[in-house]
């Protein structure tokens, strides 16, 4: 189902009681300032069963791209091996089988150096490239205890770490020796009796706007209802120093000490519609100076049915967002039966963007996501993946 036209700039005021403080606050939720519509058939950018470098070459994160100092598009949608695709646009992208970064696999949760996925990149010259990575400590990999474990992901703890490349993104190193590499450390220390640990799990692509770098991070809590998307920023000339929006101002998320980054502020304000999961894509529409967020979502209907797939919201400031609008109906993981494909890791990229970070779009862009396709294998399942692209039109 495609998105329908919306009444622009209609404002609905919602009164919210903030938990704990008993303070009444007004939050404005508005209809979308832009209409996004899928306009063409799908294109398979990459199929792990066809052109994967090996059996481990599986897209496992939202697509992120930058233009290097030779004018090439370097695109990541990596697993923990952090391979990239190289070309001059979607039609010419080819997989590079070299790993561009691998965490050390350390069995020390406080170091946050077990496995790391590159989730966001920033560069102003295509030569020196900075990145934010999602760093996970996974106790099951080290035969460490986890009380009540039923899944491999139980007791995982996550933070966001900084990396740097000086060779156009061919190789990355941590920006600081662990644990000095984590400007978003886990909000609370690791415990093996907690199946779901408060964590900073993932981050959108980075937007360079008004002398700051902006992104949205997903802050996970033990109770899902308290998990939220948080707006963060860093000075454009210092991509190692990040702050979080607390609802009134940007404040330091952590402080760098001799022992590494120490949590300074464990809270952050929710941005985006309540009830949505992690925002994965963030771009700015140049013609209207409007921001677009891309995410997976499920809307419940009064008759018990739902609409699910890839949705979008719009904003003029990245703090107050419109309600969700369906862009592309796709099955998500809970909808998939045995062997049914499902979508994940949706984002938006305009290959014609003049921005080296592909952080801007004009009136046409591409929705890019990963499709997972379970297949029977040796009495079990294997899950090859495709990187899929749909063309999208954007209208005011």
Protein backbone atom coordinates (compact mmCIF):
# COMPACT_ATOMS: atom_id res chain seq x y z
CA UNK A 1 0.00 0.00 0.00
CA UNK A 2 1.30 3.41 -0.91
CA UNK A 3 1.10 6.55 1.17
CA UNK A 4 -1.83 8.90 0.53
CA UNK A 5 -1.72 12.65 0.38
CA UNK A 6 -1.83 14.43 3.71
CA UNK A 7 -2.95 17.85 4.93
CA UNK A 8 0.23 19.82 5.48
CA UNK A 9 1.08 21.60 8.70
CA UNK A 10 -2.06 20.63 10.66
CA UNK A 11 -1.02 20.57 14.31
CA UNK A 12 -2.42 18.30 16.98
CA UNK A 13 -1.45 19.08 20.57
CA UNK A 14 -1.04 16.12 22.88
CA UNK A 15 -0.76 16.51 26.63
CA UNK A 16 1.70 14.02 28.11
CA UNK A 17 2.37 13.35 31.77
CA UNK A 18 6.08 12.78 32.18
CA UNK A 19 6.76 9.71 34.30
CA UNK A 20 8.41 10.26 37.64
CA UNK A 21 8.17 14.03 37.75
CA UNK A 22 4.44 14.51 37.44
CA UNK A 23 5.04 17.43 35.08
CA UNK A 24 2.61 18.26 32.31
CA UNK A 25 4.26 18.92 28.98
CA UNK A 26 2.91 19.76 25.57
CA UNK A 27 4.27 17.79 22.62
CA UNK A 28 3.13 18.64 19.11
CA UNK A 29 2.47 15.94 16.55
CA UNK A 30 1.75 17.06 13.02
CA UNK A 31 0.81 15.57 9.70
CA UNK A 32 3.57 14.93 7.18
CA UNK A 33 4.93 17.94 5.31
CA UNK A 34 5.94 15.71 2.39
CA UNK A 35 4.29 12.86 0.53
CA UNK A 36 6.51 9.88 -0.30
CA UNK A 37 5.41 7.32 -2.89
CA UNK A 38 7.09 4.20 -4.26
CA UNK A 39 7.21 4.68 -8.03
CA UNK A 40 8.98 1.69 -9.52
CA UNK A 41 9.71 -2.03 -9.27
CA UNK A 42 12.31 -3.43 -6.94
CA UNK A 43 15.98 -3.72 -7.88
CA UNK A 44 18.21 -6.29 -6.22
CA UNK A 45 21.49 -4.52 -5.43
CA UNK A 46 23.07 -7.59 -3.84
CA UNK A 47 22.08 -11.22 -3.29
CA UNK A 48 24.26 -13.14 -0.86
CA UNK A 49 23.52 -16.42 -2.68
CA UNK A 50 24.63 -14.95 -6.01
CA UNK A 51 27.54 -12.61 -5.37
CA UNK A 52 28.43 -13.06 -1.69
CA UNK A 53 32.14 -13.32 -0.98
CA UNK A 54 31.52 -16.33 1.28
CA UNK A 55 28.80 -17.85 3.43
CA UNK A 56 29.26 -15.14 6.07
CA UNK A 57 28.75 -12.22 3.68
CA UNK A 58 25.30 -11.14 4.85
CA UNK A 59 23.91 -7.57 5.00
CA UNK A 60 23.13 -7.03 8.67
CA UNK A 61 22.73 -3.27 9.08
CA UNK A 62 21.09 -0.35 7.26
CA UNK A 63 22.85 0.84 4.11
CA UNK A 64 25.22 3.79 4.67
CA UNK A 65 27.16 5.53 1.93
CA UNK A 66 29.74 8.23 1.41
CA UNK A 67 31.62 9.53 -1.61
CA UNK A 68 35.37 9.00 -1.35
CA UNK A 69 38.16 11.24 -2.62
CA UNK A 70 37.96 9.54 -6.04
CA UNK A 71 34.26 10.28 -6.40
CA UNK A 72 33.19 6.69 -5.79
CA UNK A 73 30.21 5.61 -3.73
CA UNK A 74 31.37 3.49 -0.79
CA UNK A 75 28.36 1.71 0.70
CA UNK A 76 28.21 -0.33 3.91
CA UNK A 77 25.36 -2.61 4.96
CA UNK A 78 27.64 -4.84 6.98
CA UNK A 79 27.73 -7.58 9.51
CA UNK A 80 30.57 -7.59 12.05
CA UNK A 81 33.10 -8.21 9.23
CA UNK A 82 32.33 -4.71 7.88
CA UNK A 83 32.73 -5.29 4.16
CA UNK A 84 31.70 -2.60 1.69
CA UNK A 85 30.35 -2.14 -1.83
CA UNK A 86 32.17 0.15 -4.26
CA UNK A 87 30.91 1.87 -7.41
CA UNK A 88 29.67 5.16 -8.81
CA UNK A 89 25.99 4.53 -8.12
CA UNK A 90 23.60 1.70 -7.38
CA UNK A 91 23.89 0.16 -10.85
CA UNK A 92 27.68 -0.20 -10.63
CA UNK A 93 28.14 -1.24 -6.98
CA UNK A 94 30.32 -4.32 -6.54
CA UNK A 95 31.16 -6.13 -3.29
CA UNK A 96 34.67 -5.74 -1.89
CA UNK A 97 35.54 -8.94 -0.05
CA UNK A 98 38.11 -7.36 2.26
CA UNK A 99 37.07 -6.73 5.85
CA UNK A 100 37.48 -3.04 6.62
CA UNK A 101 37.29 -3.47 10.38
CA UNK A 102 37.00 -6.35 12.86
CA UNK A 103 36.65 -5.97 16.61
CA UNK A 104 39.06 -7.98 18.75
CA UNK A 105 36.52 -10.41 20.19
CA UNK A 106 37.45 -9.57 23.79
CA UNK A 107 35.60 -11.40 26.58
CA UNK A 108 35.58 -8.28 28.76
CA UNK A 109 32.25 -6.44 28.79
CA UNK A 110 33.73 -3.18 30.08
CA UNK A 111 36.01 -2.94 27.00
CA UNK A 112 33.13 -3.20 24.51
CA UNK A 113 35.44 -4.80 21.95
CA UNK A 114 33.74 -8.09 21.11
CA UNK A 115 31.90 -7.44 17.83
CA UNK A 116 31.27 -4.09 16.13
CA UNK A 117 29.09 -3.10 13.15
CA UNK A 118 29.75 0.17 11.28
CA UNK A 119 26.41 2.02 11.41
CA UNK A 120 27.17 5.62 10.40
CA UNK A 121 29.96 7.41 8.55
CA UNK A 122 31.16 11.00 8.27
CA UNK A 123 33.77 12.64 6.06
CA UNK A 124 34.28 16.09 4.60
CA UNK A 125 37.00 15.17 2.11
CA UNK A 126 36.50 11.49 1.28
CA UNK A 127 39.96 10.66 2.60
CA UNK A 128 39.67 10.91 6.38
CA UNK A 129 36.51 9.07 7.37
CA UNK A 130 34.94 8.80 10.82
CA UNK A 131 32.33 6.26 11.84
CA UNK A 132 29.99 5.37 14.65
CA UNK A 133 29.76 1.65 15.27
CA UNK A 134 27.32 -0.49 17.19
CA UNK A 135 29.51 -2.45 19.59
CA UNK A 136 28.10 -5.55 21.28
CA UNK A 137 29.40 -7.72 24.07
CA UNK A 138 27.92 -11.21 23.61
CA UNK A 139 28.38 -13.49 26.62
CA UNK A 140 27.25 -16.64 24.78
CA UNK A 141 30.31 -16.37 22.54
CA UNK A 142 32.60 -16.67 25.56
CA UNK A 143 30.70 -19.35 27.49
CA UNK A 144 29.87 -16.79 30.14
CA UNK A 145 26.81 -17.14 32.40
CA UNK A 146 23.47 -15.46 31.70
CA UNK A 147 20.68 -16.11 34.16
CA UNK A 148 17.59 -17.53 32.47
CA UNK A 149 19.07 -17.46 28.98
CA UNK A 150 16.70 -18.72 26.29
CA UNK A 151 18.15 -16.89 23.28
CA UNK A 152 21.64 -16.04 22.09
CA UNK A 153 20.86 -12.32 22.39
CA UNK A 154 20.07 -12.58 26.12
CA UNK A 155 22.41 -10.54 28.37
CA UNK A 156 23.97 -8.74 25.39
CA UNK A 157 25.05 -5.19 26.15
CA UNK A 158 25.64 -2.49 23.55
CA UNK A 159 27.24 0.91 23.18
CA UNK A 160 28.18 3.19 20.30
CA UNK A 161 31.88 3.60 19.53
CA UNK A 162 33.91 5.89 17.28
CA UNK A 163 36.24 4.74 14.51
CA UNK A 164 38.54 6.52 12.07
CA UNK A 165 40.03 5.79 8.66
CA UNK A 166 42.79 7.76 6.94
CA UNK A 167 42.74 5.76 3.69
CA UNK A 168 39.30 6.62 2.26
CA UNK A 169 37.54 4.01 4.35
CA UNK A 170 39.61 1.00 3.28
CA UNK A 171 40.59 0.29 6.90
CA UNK A 172 39.31 1.61 10.22
CA UNK A 173 40.67 1.70 13.76
CA UNK A 174 39.00 2.71 16.98
CA UNK A 175 39.30 6.40 17.77
CA UNK A 176 40.87 5.69 21.14
CA UNK A 177 41.96 2.45 22.74
CA UNK A 178 39.03 0.57 24.36
CA UNK A 179 37.33 1.67 26.53
CA UNK A 180 38.32 5.18 25.36
CA UNK A 181 36.44 4.63 22.08
CA UNK A 182 32.82 4.74 23.32
CA UNK A 183 31.14 8.19 23.49
CA UNK A 184 27.85 6.32 24.08
CA UNK A 185 28.78 3.65 26.63
CA UNK A 186 26.04 1.40 28.04
CA UNK A 187 24.01 3.48 30.51
CA UNK A 188 24.51 0.86 33.23
CA UNK A 189 27.33 -1.64 33.85
CA UNK A 190 27.09 -5.20 32.57
CA UNK A 191 25.31 -7.81 34.71
CA UNK A 192 24.85 -11.50 33.96
CA UNK A 193 21.47 -11.64 35.72
CA UNK A 194 19.75 -9.21 33.35
CA UNK A 195 18.50 -10.60 30.03
CA UNK A 196 17.82 -7.17 28.52
CA UNK A 197 20.44 -4.57 29.41
CA UNK A 198 19.90 -0.81 28.94
CA UNK A 199 22.01 0.03 25.91
CA UNK A 200 22.62 2.35 22.98
CA UNK A 201 22.04 -0.17 20.20
CA UNK A 202 21.97 1.49 16.81
CA UNK A 203 22.35 4.85 15.06
CA UNK A 204 21.06 6.36 11.83
CA UNK A 205 23.27 7.83 9.17
CA UNK A 206 24.83 11.19 10.01
CA UNK A 207 23.53 14.52 8.66
CA UNK A 208 25.75 17.60 8.46
CA UNK A 209 23.50 20.59 9.15
CA UNK A 210 24.19 24.09 10.48
CA UNK A 211 27.74 23.30 11.65
CA UNK A 212 26.72 20.16 13.55
CA UNK A 213 26.57 16.47 12.81
CA UNK A 214 23.18 15.02 13.71
CA UNK A 215 21.94 11.46 14.07
CA UNK A 216 19.23 9.53 15.91
CA UNK A 217 20.22 6.69 18.24
CA UNK A 218 18.07 3.89 19.65
CA UNK A 219 18.15 3.73 23.43
CA UNK A 220 16.99 0.30 24.60
CA UNK A 221 15.55 -0.22 28.08
CA UNK A 222 14.66 -3.34 30.07
CA UNK A 223 11.00 -2.52 29.42
CA UNK A 224 10.34 -1.99 25.72
CA UNK A 225 7.78 0.75 26.35
CA UNK A 226 10.57 2.91 27.80
CA UNK A 227 12.92 2.34 24.85
CA UNK A 228 13.13 5.34 22.57
CA UNK A 229 14.80 7.20 19.75
CA UNK A 230 17.12 10.01 20.89
CA UNK A 231 18.53 12.92 18.92
CA UNK A 232 22.30 13.38 19.19
CA UNK A 233 24.80 15.82 17.75
CA UNK A 234 28.52 16.60 17.55
CA UNK A 235 30.37 19.69 16.32
CA UNK A 236 31.13 19.31 12.61
CA UNK A 237 34.82 19.84 13.36
CA UNK A 238 34.91 17.24 16.17
CA UNK A 239 33.08 13.99 15.28
CA UNK A 240 34.33 12.35 18.47
CA UNK A 241 32.36 14.50 20.94
CA UNK A 242 28.63 13.67 21.03
CA UNK A 243 25.74 15.11 23.01
CA UNK A 244 22.14 14.01 23.57
CA UNK A 245 18.96 16.09 23.46
CA UNK A 246 17.26 16.00 26.89
CA UNK A 247 14.13 17.87 25.83
CA UNK A 248 15.55 21.29 26.65
CA UNK A 249 19.17 21.30 25.53
CA UNK A 250 22.00 19.17 24.20
CA UNK A 251 24.13 17.78 27.00
CA UNK A 252 27.11 15.42 27.14
CA UNK A 253 26.15 11.75 27.09
CA UNK A 254 29.43 10.73 28.70
CA UNK A 255 32.72 12.18 29.88
CA UNK A 256 36.16 10.94 28.86
CA UNK A 257 38.30 10.02 31.86
CA UNK A 258 41.59 8.17 32.35
CA UNK A 259 39.52 4.99 32.70
CA UNK A 260 37.54 5.61 29.50
CA UNK A 261 34.17 7.16 28.81
CA UNK A 262 32.00 7.39 31.92
CA UNK A 263 28.26 7.86 31.70
CA UNK A 264 27.34 11.46 32.47
CA UNK A 265 23.72 11.60 31.37
CA UNK A 266 21.68 8.41 31.37
CA UNK A 267 18.48 9.97 30.07
CA UNK A 268 17.45 11.48 26.77
CA UNK A 269 14.21 12.81 25.36
CA UNK A 270 12.07 10.66 23.11
CA UNK A 271 11.90 11.90 19.52
CA UNK A 272 9.62 10.51 16.85
CA UNK A 273 6.10 9.11 17.22
CA UNK A 274 5.49 7.09 20.36
CA UNK A 275 5.27 3.37 19.76
CA UNK A 276 7.67 3.11 16.84
CA UNK A 277 10.85 1.07 16.91
CA UNK A 278 14.33 2.31 16.03
CA UNK A 279 14.57 4.94 13.31
CA UNK A 280 17.09 3.62 10.80
CA UNK A 281 17.27 6.31 8.10
CA UNK A 282 17.52 10.11 8.35
CA UNK A 283 17.76 12.49 5.36
CA UNK A 284 17.00 16.14 4.60
CA UNK A 285 14.81 17.10 1.64
CA UNK A 286 16.62 20.08 0.13
CA UNK A 287 13.64 21.66 -1.65
CA UNK A 288 11.64 22.08 1.55
CA UNK A 289 14.39 21.81 4.19
CA UNK A 290 12.34 19.02 5.74
CA UNK A 291 13.81 15.98 7.50
CA UNK A 292 12.57 12.48 6.72
CA UNK A 293 12.86 9.52 9.08
CA UNK A 294 12.55 5.92 7.82
CA UNK A 295 11.67 2.98 10.06
CA UNK A 296 9.77 -0.30 10.33
CA UNK A 297 6.41 -0.08 12.04
CA UNK A 298 3.05 -1.74 12.61
CA UNK A 299 -0.22 0.19 12.83
CA UNK A 300 -3.07 -1.55 14.63
CA UNK A 301 -6.54 -1.06 13.20
CA UNK A 302 -9.70 -1.00 15.30
CA UNK A 303 -10.93 -4.20 13.63
CA UNK A 304 -7.91 -6.13 14.87
CA UNK A 305 -6.00 -6.07 11.60
CA UNK A 306 -2.84 -4.06 11.05
CA UNK A 307 -0.70 -2.39 8.44
CA UNK A 308 2.96 -3.25 8.62
CA UNK A 309 6.08 -2.51 6.65
CA UNK A 310 8.29 0.51 6.10
CA UNK A 311 6.99 3.88 7.30
CA UNK A 312 8.17 7.48 7.32
CA UNK A 313 7.69 10.66 9.34
CA UNK A 314 8.77 14.25 8.62
CA UNK A 315 10.10 17.10 10.76
CA UNK A 316 11.36 20.65 10.45
CA UNK A 317 13.83 20.35 13.35
CA UNK A 318 14.40 16.60 14.05
CA UNK A 319 12.77 17.07 17.48
CA UNK A 320 9.05 17.12 16.67
CA UNK A 321 7.91 14.56 14.08
CA UNK A 322 4.75 13.83 12.16
CA UNK A 323 2.69 10.73 12.73
CA UNK A 324 3.78 7.57 10.85
CA UNK A 325 2.81 7.07 7.19
CA UNK A 326 3.13 3.81 5.31
CA UNK A 327 5.62 3.91 2.45
CA UNK A 328 5.89 0.24 1.48
CA UNK A 329 3.91 -2.72 2.80
CA UNK A 330 6.35 -5.52 3.62
CA UNK A 331 6.21 -8.49 5.95
CA UNK A 332 8.36 -8.01 9.05
CA UNK A 333 9.88 -10.82 11.08
CA UNK A 334 6.76 -11.54 13.22
CA UNK A 335 4.65 -11.90 10.05
CA UNK A 336 6.88 -14.46 8.36
CA UNK A 337 6.01 -18.13 8.49
CA UNK A 338 8.62 -20.85 7.90
CA UNK A 339 10.46 -19.97 4.70
CA UNK A 340 8.69 -16.63 4.22
CA UNK A 341 10.91 -13.61 3.45
CA UNK A 342 10.76 -10.50 5.60
CA UNK A 343 12.22 -6.98 5.56
CA UNK A 344 14.65 -5.25 7.93
CA UNK A 345 17.12 -2.32 8.13
CA UNK A 346 15.30 0.23 5.96
CA UNK A 347 16.87 3.56 5.03
CA UNK A 348 16.86 6.14 2.21
CA UNK A 349 19.66 7.19 -0.16
CA UNK A 350 19.68 9.56 -3.14
CA UNK A 351 22.56 8.45 -5.36
CA UNK A 352 22.51 11.86 -7.10
CA UNK A 353 22.92 13.79 -3.85
CA UNK A 354 25.62 16.46 -3.94
CA UNK A 355 26.27 15.78 -0.27
CA UNK A 356 29.34 13.60 0.28
CA UNK A 357 27.42 11.78 3.04
CA UNK A 358 24.29 11.22 0.89
CA UNK A 359 22.42 12.96 3.69
CA UNK A 360 20.22 15.01 1.34
CA UNK A 361 17.54 14.07 -1.17
CA UNK A 362 15.75 15.93 -3.93
CA UNK A 363 12.38 14.91 -5.37
CA UNK A 364 13.53 11.37 -6.15
CA UNK A 365 15.46 8.97 -3.94
CA UNK A 366 15.74 5.27 -3.18
CA UNK A 367 14.32 3.23 -0.35
CA UNK A 368 16.97 0.62 0.51
CA UNK A 369 16.47 -2.31 2.89
CA UNK A 370 17.53 -5.88 3.59
CA UNK A 371 15.26 -8.80 2.73
CA UNK A 372 15.94 -12.01 4.68
CA UNK A 373 14.94 -15.23 2.91
CA UNK A 374 14.97 -18.36 5.12
CA UNK A 375 15.78 -21.60 3.27
CA UNK A 376 15.85 -25.20 4.41
CA UNK A 377 19.38 -26.52 4.91
CA UNK A 378 20.63 -29.81 6.40
CA UNK A 379 17.53 -30.28 8.52
CA UNK A 380 17.60 -26.67 9.73
CA UNK A 381 17.54 -23.20 8.23
CA UNK A 382 19.98 -20.83 6.65
CA UNK A 383 19.00 -17.22 5.94
CA UNK A 384 20.53 -15.66 2.81
CA UNK A 385 19.84 -11.97 2.30
CA UNK A 386 19.25 -9.45 -0.43
CA UNK A 387 19.92 -5.72 -0.48
CA UNK A 388 16.81 -4.29 -2.15
CA UNK A 389 16.11 -0.90 -3.69
CA UNK A 390 12.84 0.84 -4.63
CA UNK A 391 12.61 4.26 -6.28
CA UNK A 392 10.63 6.85 -4.35
CA UNK A 393 9.12 10.18 -5.40
CA UNK A 394 8.91 13.01 -2.87
CA UNK A 395 6.34 15.79 -3.20
CA UNK A 396 5.45 18.81 -1.10
